[in-house]
Amino acid sequence: MNNESKNPLDIFIVGAKKGFNIALYNLIPNVLMAYVIAEMLKILGVMKFLGDYCGVIMNIFGLPGEAITILLSAWLSTSAGVGIAVNLYANGIIDNIGVSIVLPAIFLMGAQLQYLGRLLAVAGVAKKYWILLIITSILNAFICMFMMKIVVSL
């Protein structure tokens, strides 16, 4: 026997509670953690190092070299990528145009490593195709950033 209510208001409240719990216990801690890690990288000089050495690559997309940390963290966790982007924006390293360029890439690459094993293994995808799927995701993100650079310059 199904005890779930068919009342739309009850369904909404149950969904809102689930959404609130996801935000409170999953998303916000990851964003805060990424923000703090970005501050630590900046204090340790790692952010400047990455900015100097990755500037040539990221400049293709109209972004400073430090923006590579957004992509690297987004590859691990989408919310971490957002946290790093917020930190770079708050410190004036990237502007609103830079955020517009990198934001779609965060979601195209988002949490790929985190979910790679879970999804591909469960789906039964042969491991020889995993690297191709990773490269496809990264390539899609780079193409998207290049396209966004064109769009925001119009």
N, C-alpha and C. Protein backbone atom coordinates (compact mmCIF):
# COMPACT_ATOMS: atom_id res chain seq x y z
N MET A 1 0.83 -1.18 0.00
CA MET A 1 0.00 0.00 0.00
C MET A 1 0.88 1.24 0.00
N ASN A 2 0.55 2.19 -0.82
CA ASN A 2 1.33 3.40 -0.96
C ASN A 2 0.81 4.46 0.00
N ASN A 3 1.67 4.92 0.93
CA ASN A 3 1.28 5.93 1.91
C ASN A 3 1.62 7.35 1.47
N GLU A 4 2.22 7.52 0.29
CA GLU A 4 2.59 8.85 -0.15
C GLU A 4 1.35 9.65 -0.54
N SER A 5 1.37 10.91 -0.16
CA SER A 5 0.25 11.79 -0.45
C SER A 5 0.27 12.21 -1.91
N LYS A 6 -0.88 12.37 -2.48
CA LYS A 6 -1.01 12.85 -3.86
C LYS A 6 -1.30 14.35 -3.88
N ASN A 7 -1.38 14.96 -2.70
CA ASN A 7 -1.63 16.39 -2.60
C ASN A 7 -0.43 17.15 -3.15
N PRO A 8 -0.61 18.01 -4.14
CA PRO A 8 0.54 18.74 -4.71
C PRO A 8 1.31 19.56 -3.70
N LEU A 9 0.62 20.11 -2.70
CA LEU A 9 1.30 20.90 -1.68
C LEU A 9 2.23 20.02 -0.85
N ASP A 10 1.76 18.82 -0.48
CA ASP A 10 2.60 17.89 0.27
C ASP A 10 3.80 17.45 -0.56
N ILE A 11 3.56 17.18 -1.83
CA ILE A 11 4.66 16.77 -2.72
C ILE A 11 5.69 17.89 -2.83
N PHE A 12 5.21 19.13 -2.94
CA PHE A 12 6.12 20.27 -3.01
C PHE A 12 6.95 20.39 -1.74
N ILE A 13 6.31 20.24 -0.58
CA ILE A 13 7.03 20.39 0.69
C ILE A 13 8.08 19.30 0.85
N VAL A 14 7.73 18.07 0.47
CA VAL A 14 8.71 16.98 0.56
C VAL A 14 9.89 17.26 -0.36
N GLY A 15 9.62 17.72 -1.58
CA GLY A 15 10.69 18.05 -2.51
C GLY A 15 11.54 19.21 -2.04
N ALA A 16 10.89 20.22 -1.45
CA ALA A 16 11.62 21.37 -0.93
C ALA A 16 12.54 20.96 0.21
N LYS A 17 12.07 20.05 1.07
CA LYS A 17 12.92 19.57 2.18
C LYS A 17 14.13 18.83 1.63
N LYS A 18 13.92 17.99 0.62
CA LYS A 18 15.05 17.26 0.02
C LYS A 18 16.04 18.23 -0.61
N GLY A 19 15.53 19.23 -1.33
CA GLY A 19 16.40 20.22 -1.95
C GLY A 19 17.18 21.02 -0.93
N PHE A 20 16.52 21.39 0.15
CA PHE A 20 17.18 22.14 1.23
C PHE A 20 18.29 21.31 1.84
N ASN A 21 18.03 20.03 2.09
CA ASN A 21 19.05 19.16 2.67
C ASN A 21 20.24 18.99 1.74
N ILE A 22 19.99 18.85 0.45
CA ILE A 22 21.09 18.73 -0.51
C ILE A 22 21.95 20.00 -0.48
N ALA A 23 21.30 21.15 -0.50
CA ALA A 23 22.05 22.41 -0.47
C ALA A 23 22.82 22.56 0.83
N LEU A 24 22.17 22.25 1.94
CA LEU A 24 22.78 22.46 3.25
C LEU A 24 23.92 21.49 3.53
N TYR A 25 23.76 20.24 3.17
CA TYR A 25 24.75 19.23 3.55
C TYR A 25 25.71 18.84 2.43
N ASN A 26 25.42 19.18 1.19
CA ASN A 26 26.31 18.80 0.10
C ASN A 26 26.92 20.00 -0.62
N LEU A 27 26.09 20.90 -1.11
CA LEU A 27 26.59 21.97 -1.97
C LEU A 27 27.36 23.05 -1.21
N ILE A 28 26.75 23.59 -0.17
CA ILE A 28 27.38 24.71 0.55
C ILE A 28 28.72 24.31 1.17
N PRO A 29 28.84 23.14 1.81
CA PRO A 29 30.17 22.78 2.34
C PRO A 29 31.23 22.66 1.24
N ASN A 30 30.87 22.13 0.07
CA ASN A 30 31.84 22.01 -1.02
C ASN A 30 32.26 23.38 -1.54
N VAL A 31 31.32 24.29 -1.68
CA VAL A 31 31.65 25.63 -2.17
C VAL A 31 32.54 26.35 -1.16
N LEU A 32 32.21 26.24 0.12
CA LEU A 32 33.03 26.87 1.15
C LEU A 32 34.43 26.27 1.20
N MET A 33 34.50 24.94 1.10
CA MET A 33 35.81 24.28 1.12
C MET A 33 36.66 24.77 -0.05
N ALA A 34 36.07 24.85 -1.23
CA ALA A 34 36.82 25.31 -2.40
C ALA A 34 37.26 26.75 -2.24
N TYR A 35 36.40 27.57 -1.65
CA TYR A 35 36.76 28.97 -1.42
C TYR A 35 37.99 29.07 -0.51
N VAL A 36 37.98 28.28 0.55
CA VAL A 36 39.10 28.29 1.49
C VAL A 36 40.37 27.75 0.83
N ILE A 37 40.23 26.68 0.04
CA ILE A 37 41.41 26.13 -0.65
C ILE A 37 41.99 27.16 -1.61
N ALA A 38 41.14 27.90 -2.29
CA ALA A 38 41.63 28.94 -3.21
C ALA A 38 42.41 30.00 -2.43
N GLU A 39 41.91 30.36 -1.26
CA GLU A 39 42.64 31.33 -0.43
C GLU A 39 43.99 30.78 -0.01
N MET A 40 44.01 29.49 0.36
CA MET A 40 45.28 28.87 0.75
C MET A 40 46.27 28.84 -0.42
N LEU A 41 45.77 28.50 -1.61
CA LEU A 41 46.64 28.48 -2.79
C LEU A 41 47.20 29.86 -3.08
N LYS A 42 46.37 30.87 -2.86
CA LYS A 42 46.81 32.24 -3.11
C LYS A 42 47.89 32.63 -2.09
N ILE A 43 47.68 32.32 -0.83
CA ILE A 43 48.65 32.65 0.22
C ILE A 43 49.98 31.93 -0.01
N LEU A 44 49.90 30.68 -0.45
CA LEU A 44 51.11 29.88 -0.67
C LEU A 44 51.82 30.24 -1.97
N GLY A 45 51.21 31.05 -2.80
CA GLY A 45 51.83 31.43 -4.06
C GLY A 45 51.56 30.47 -5.21
N VAL A 46 50.80 29.42 -4.94
CA VAL A 46 50.51 28.44 -5.97
C VAL A 46 49.62 29.06 -7.06
N MET A 47 48.71 29.91 -6.65
CA MET A 47 47.81 30.54 -7.62
C MET A 47 48.60 31.41 -8.60
N LYS A 48 49.57 32.15 -8.10
CA LYS A 48 50.39 32.99 -8.97
C LYS A 48 51.24 32.11 -9.89
N PHE A 49 51.78 31.04 -9.35
CA PHE A 49 52.57 30.10 -10.16
C PHE A 49 51.74 29.54 -11.31
N LEU A 50 50.53 29.06 -10.98
CA LEU A 50 49.65 28.52 -12.02
C LEU A 50 49.25 29.61 -13.01
N GLY A 51 49.01 30.80 -12.49
CA GLY A 51 48.65 31.92 -13.37
C GLY A 51 49.74 32.24 -14.35
N ASP A 52 51.00 32.20 -13.88
CA ASP A 52 52.12 32.51 -14.76
C ASP A 52 52.30 31.43 -15.83
N TYR A 53 52.19 30.16 -15.44
CA TYR A 53 52.48 29.08 -16.38
C TYR A 53 51.29 28.65 -17.24
N CYS A 54 50.11 28.93 -16.80
CA CYS A 54 48.92 28.55 -17.57
C CYS A 54 48.28 29.74 -18.27
N GLY A 55 48.88 30.90 -18.09
CA GLY A 55 48.33 32.10 -18.69
C GLY A 55 48.21 32.04 -20.21
N VAL A 56 49.20 31.43 -20.85
CA VAL A 56 49.19 31.34 -22.31
C VAL A 56 47.98 30.53 -22.79
N ILE A 57 47.73 29.42 -22.12
CA ILE A 57 46.60 28.55 -22.52
C ILE A 57 45.27 29.24 -22.22
N MET A 58 45.14 29.77 -21.02
CA MET A 58 43.86 30.36 -20.62
C MET A 58 43.58 31.67 -21.34
N ASN A 59 44.64 32.33 -21.79
CA ASN A 59 44.46 33.58 -22.53
C ASN A 59 43.76 33.34 -23.87
N ILE A 60 43.85 32.14 -24.40
CA ILE A 60 43.12 31.79 -25.63
C ILE A 60 41.63 32.02 -25.44
N PHE A 61 41.18 31.77 -24.21
CA PHE A 61 39.76 31.90 -23.89
C PHE A 61 39.42 33.25 -23.26
N GLY A 62 40.40 34.11 -23.19
CA GLY A 62 40.17 35.43 -22.59
C GLY A 62 40.17 35.40 -21.07
N LEU A 63 40.82 34.40 -20.50
CA LEU A 63 40.83 34.24 -19.04
C LEU A 63 42.26 34.36 -18.51
N PRO A 64 42.41 34.80 -17.26
CA PRO A 64 43.74 34.79 -16.67
C PRO A 64 44.19 33.36 -16.37
N GLY A 65 45.48 33.17 -16.23
CA GLY A 65 46.01 31.83 -15.97
C GLY A 65 45.47 31.18 -14.72
N GLU A 66 45.14 32.00 -13.73
CA GLU A 66 44.62 31.44 -12.47
C GLU A 66 43.30 30.71 -12.68
N ALA A 67 42.61 31.01 -13.78
CA ALA A 67 41.32 30.37 -14.04
C ALA A 67 41.46 28.87 -14.29
N ILE A 68 42.68 28.40 -14.52
CA ILE A 68 42.88 26.95 -14.68
C ILE A 68 42.46 26.22 -13.41
N THR A 69 42.59 26.88 -12.25
CA THR A 69 42.19 26.24 -10.99
C THR A 69 40.68 25.99 -10.95
N ILE A 70 39.93 26.83 -11.63
CA ILE A 70 38.48 26.62 -11.71
C ILE A 70 38.20 25.32 -12.45
N LEU A 71 38.87 25.15 -13.58
CA LEU A 71 38.63 23.95 -14.39
C LEU A 71 39.11 22.69 -13.68
N LEU A 72 40.28 22.77 -13.05
CA LEU A 72 40.80 21.59 -12.35
C LEU A 72 39.89 21.18 -11.19
N SER A 73 39.42 22.16 -10.45
CA SER A 73 38.54 21.83 -9.33
C SER A 73 37.17 21.40 -9.82
N ALA A 74 36.69 22.00 -10.91
CA ALA A 74 35.39 21.60 -11.45
C ALA A 74 35.44 20.17 -11.96
N TRP A 75 36.59 19.75 -12.42
CA TRP A 75 36.75 18.37 -12.89
C TRP A 75 36.53 17.38 -11.75
N LEU A 76 36.89 17.80 -10.54
CA LEU A 76 36.69 16.96 -9.36
C LEU A 76 35.28 17.12 -8.79
N SER A 77 34.80 18.37 -8.74
CA SER A 77 33.51 18.64 -8.12
C SER A 77 32.95 19.94 -8.70
N THR A 78 31.74 19.89 -9.16
CA THR A 78 31.11 21.08 -9.75
C THR A 78 31.03 22.21 -8.72
N SER A 79 30.59 21.88 -7.53
CA SER A 79 30.45 22.93 -6.52
C SER A 79 31.82 23.48 -6.12
N ALA A 80 32.86 22.68 -6.17
CA ALA A 80 34.20 23.19 -5.89
C ALA A 80 34.63 24.17 -6.98
N GLY A 81 34.30 23.85 -8.22
CA GLY A 81 34.61 24.78 -9.30
C GLY A 81 33.90 26.10 -9.12
N VAL A 82 32.67 26.04 -8.68
CA VAL A 82 31.91 27.27 -8.42
C VAL A 82 32.57 28.05 -7.28
N GLY A 83 32.99 27.34 -6.23
CA GLY A 83 33.64 28.00 -5.10
C GLY A 83 34.93 28.69 -5.50
N ILE A 84 35.73 28.04 -6.33
CA ILE A 84 36.97 28.66 -6.81
C ILE A 84 36.65 29.87 -7.67
N ALA A 85 35.64 29.75 -8.53
CA ALA A 85 35.25 30.88 -9.38
C ALA A 85 34.80 32.07 -8.54
N VAL A 86 34.03 31.79 -7.50
CA VAL A 86 33.58 32.87 -6.60
C VAL A 86 34.78 33.54 -5.94
N ASN A 87 35.74 32.73 -5.50
CA ASN A 87 36.93 33.30 -4.86
C ASN A 87 37.71 34.18 -5.83
N LEU A 88 37.92 33.70 -7.04
CA LEU A 88 38.67 34.49 -8.02
C LEU A 88 37.90 35.77 -8.37
N TYR A 89 36.60 35.68 -8.44
CA TYR A 89 35.78 36.86 -8.72
C TYR A 89 35.85 37.85 -7.55
N ALA A 90 35.75 37.34 -6.33
CA ALA A 90 35.79 38.20 -5.15
C ALA A 90 37.13 38.91 -5.00
N ASN A 91 38.20 38.27 -5.49
CA ASN A 91 39.53 38.87 -5.41
C ASN A 91 39.89 39.66 -6.66
N GLY A 92 38.96 39.81 -7.58
CA GLY A 92 39.19 40.61 -8.77
C GLY A 92 40.10 39.97 -9.80
N ILE A 93 40.34 38.68 -9.67
CA ILE A 93 41.21 38.00 -10.64
C ILE A 93 40.46 37.75 -11.94
N ILE A 94 39.19 37.41 -11.85
CA ILE A 94 38.36 37.33 -13.05
C ILE A 94 37.18 38.28 -12.87
N ASP A 95 36.68 38.78 -13.98
CA ASP A 95 35.53 39.69 -13.93
C ASP A 95 34.27 38.93 -14.33
N ASN A 96 33.17 39.68 -14.47
CA ASN A 96 31.91 39.03 -14.81
C ASN A 96 31.95 38.40 -16.20
N ILE A 97 32.72 38.95 -17.10
CA ILE A 97 32.87 38.35 -18.43
C ILE A 97 33.63 37.02 -18.31
N GLY A 98 34.66 37.01 -17.50
CA GLY A 98 35.40 35.76 -17.28
C GLY A 98 34.53 34.69 -16.66
N VAL A 99 33.70 35.08 -15.72
CA VAL A 99 32.77 34.11 -15.10
C VAL A 99 31.81 33.58 -16.16
N SER A 100 31.34 34.47 -17.04
CA SER A 100 30.42 34.04 -18.10
C SER A 100 31.09 33.05 -19.04
N ILE A 101 32.37 33.23 -19.27
CA ILE A 101 33.09 32.33 -20.17
C ILE A 101 33.32 30.97 -19.52
N VAL A 102 33.68 30.96 -18.26
CA VAL A 102 34.08 29.71 -17.62
C VAL A 102 32.91 28.93 -17.02
N LEU A 103 31.81 29.58 -16.74
CA LEU A 103 30.69 28.90 -16.07
C LEU A 103 30.15 27.69 -16.84
N PRO A 104 29.91 27.79 -18.16
CA PRO A 104 29.43 26.58 -18.86
C PRO A 104 30.46 25.44 -18.82
N ALA A 105 31.74 25.79 -18.83
CA ALA A 105 32.77 24.75 -18.77
C ALA A 105 32.75 24.02 -17.44
N ILE A 106 32.42 24.74 -16.38
CA ILE A 106 32.32 24.09 -15.06
C ILE A 106 31.30 22.96 -15.12
N PHE A 107 30.19 23.23 -15.76
CA PHE A 107 29.13 22.22 -15.78
C PHE A 107 29.38 21.15 -16.84
N LEU A 108 30.14 21.47 -17.88
CA LEU A 108 30.47 20.45 -18.87
C LEU A 108 31.50 19.46 -18.32
N MET A 109 32.42 19.96 -17.50
CA MET A 109 33.44 19.09 -16.91
C MET A 109 33.04 18.61 -15.52
N GLY A 110 31.98 19.18 -15.00
CA GLY A 110 31.63 19.05 -13.60
C GLY A 110 31.65 17.65 -13.02
N ALA A 111 32.47 17.49 -12.01
CA ALA A 111 32.52 16.30 -11.18
C ALA A 111 32.76 15.03 -11.99
N GLN A 112 33.44 15.17 -13.11
CA GLN A 112 33.65 14.00 -13.95
C GLN A 112 34.43 12.91 -13.23
N LEU A 113 35.49 13.29 -12.55
CA LEU A 113 36.27 12.27 -11.85
C LEU A 113 35.48 11.66 -10.70
N GLN A 114 34.65 12.48 -10.06
CA GLN A 114 33.88 12.00 -8.92
C GLN A 114 32.88 10.91 -9.34
N TYR A 115 32.29 11.09 -10.51
CA TYR A 115 31.25 10.16 -10.93
C TYR A 115 31.71 9.16 -11.98
N LEU A 116 32.94 9.30 -12.43
CA LEU A 116 33.42 8.46 -13.53
C LEU A 116 33.27 6.97 -13.23
N GLY A 117 33.83 6.55 -12.13
CA GLY A 117 33.77 5.14 -11.79
C GLY A 117 32.36 4.64 -11.55
N ARG A 118 31.61 5.47 -10.85
CA ARG A 118 30.24 5.06 -10.50
C ARG A 118 29.40 4.85 -11.75
N LEU A 119 29.41 5.82 -12.64
CA LEU A 119 28.51 5.77 -13.79
C LEU A 119 28.99 4.80 -14.85
N LEU A 120 30.25 4.92 -15.23
CA LEU A 120 30.73 4.09 -16.33
C LEU A 120 30.81 2.62 -15.94
N ALA A 121 31.23 2.35 -14.72
CA ALA A 121 31.31 0.96 -14.28
C ALA A 121 29.92 0.35 -14.16
N VAL A 122 29.00 1.09 -13.61
CA VAL A 122 27.63 0.57 -13.46
C VAL A 122 26.99 0.37 -14.83
N ALA A 123 27.27 1.29 -15.76
CA ALA A 123 26.70 1.18 -17.10
C ALA A 123 27.40 0.10 -17.92
N GLY A 124 28.52 -0.41 -17.43
CA GLY A 124 29.22 -1.46 -18.14
C GLY A 124 30.03 -0.98 -19.34
N VAL A 125 30.45 0.27 -19.30
CA VAL A 125 31.25 0.82 -20.39
C VAL A 125 32.67 0.25 -20.27
N ALA A 126 33.20 -0.26 -21.36
CA ALA A 126 34.55 -0.82 -21.36
C ALA A 126 35.56 0.26 -20.99
N LYS A 127 36.55 -0.12 -20.17
CA LYS A 127 37.51 0.87 -19.68
C LYS A 127 38.32 1.50 -20.80
N LYS A 128 38.45 0.84 -21.93
CA LYS A 128 39.22 1.42 -23.03
C LYS A 128 38.54 2.68 -23.57
N TYR A 129 37.25 2.87 -23.31
CA TYR A 129 36.54 4.06 -23.78
C TYR A 129 36.52 5.19 -22.75
N TRP A 130 36.94 4.91 -21.52
CA TRP A 130 36.85 5.92 -20.46
C TRP A 130 37.69 7.15 -20.80
N ILE A 131 38.93 6.95 -21.27
CA ILE A 131 39.79 8.09 -21.57
C ILE A 131 39.19 8.91 -22.71
N LEU A 132 38.57 8.24 -23.66
CA LEU A 132 37.92 8.96 -24.76
C LEU A 132 36.77 9.82 -24.23
N LEU A 133 36.02 9.31 -23.28
CA LEU A 133 34.92 10.08 -22.69
C LEU A 133 35.45 11.27 -21.89
N ILE A 134 36.57 11.07 -21.20
CA ILE A 134 37.17 12.18 -20.44
C ILE A 134 37.65 13.26 -21.40
N ILE A 135 38.34 12.85 -22.44
CA ILE A 135 38.85 13.82 -23.42
C ILE A 135 37.69 14.56 -24.10
N THR A 136 36.64 13.85 -24.40
CA THR A 136 35.47 14.48 -25.02
C THR A 136 34.89 15.56 -24.13
N SER A 137 34.79 15.27 -22.85
CA SER A 137 34.25 16.25 -21.90
C SER A 137 35.14 17.49 -21.83
N ILE A 138 36.43 17.28 -21.74
CA ILE A 138 37.37 18.41 -21.65
C ILE A 138 37.34 19.21 -22.95
N LEU A 139 37.32 18.51 -24.07
CA LEU A 139 37.27 19.19 -25.37
C LEU A 139 35.98 20.01 -25.50
N ASN A 140 34.87 19.44 -25.06
CA ASN A 140 33.60 20.18 -25.07
C ASN A 140 33.70 21.45 -24.23
N ALA A 141 34.33 21.36 -23.08
CA ALA A 141 34.48 22.53 -22.20
C ALA A 141 35.33 23.59 -22.88
N PHE A 142 36.42 23.18 -23.51
CA PHE A 142 37.30 24.15 -24.18
C PHE A 142 36.58 24.80 -25.36
N ILE A 143 35.86 24.02 -26.13
CA ILE A 143 35.10 24.58 -27.27
C ILE A 143 34.06 25.56 -26.75
N CYS A 144 33.40 25.19 -25.66
CA CYS A 144 32.38 26.07 -25.09
C CYS A 144 32.98 27.38 -24.60
N MET A 145 34.15 27.32 -23.96
CA MET A 145 34.78 28.55 -23.48
C MET A 145 35.17 29.43 -24.66
N PHE A 146 35.67 28.82 -25.73
CA PHE A 146 36.03 29.60 -26.91
C PHE A 146 34.80 30.25 -27.52
N MET A 147 33.70 29.49 -27.59
CA MET A 147 32.45 30.05 -28.13
C MET A 147 31.91 31.16 -27.23
N MET A 148 32.00 30.96 -25.93
CA MET A 148 31.53 31.99 -25.00
C MET A 148 32.37 33.26 -25.11
N LYS A 149 33.66 33.09 -25.37
CA LYS A 149 34.52 34.27 -25.57
C LYS A 149 34.01 35.07 -26.76
N ILE A 150 33.63 34.39 -27.81
CA ILE A 150 33.10 35.07 -29.00
C ILE A 150 31.76 35.73 -28.67
N VAL A 151 30.90 35.01 -27.97
CA VAL A 151 29.56 35.53 -27.66
C VAL A 151 29.65 36.78 -26.77
N VAL A 152 30.48 36.74 -25.75
CA VAL A 152 30.55 37.89 -24.84
C VAL A 152 31.25 39.09 -25.47
N SER A 153 31.99 38.86 -26.55
CA SER A 153 32.66 39.98 -27.21
C SER A 153 31.75 40.70 -28.21
N LEU A 154 30.57 40.13 -28.47
CA LEU A 154 29.65 40.75 -29.43
C LEU A 154 28.98 41.97 -28.85
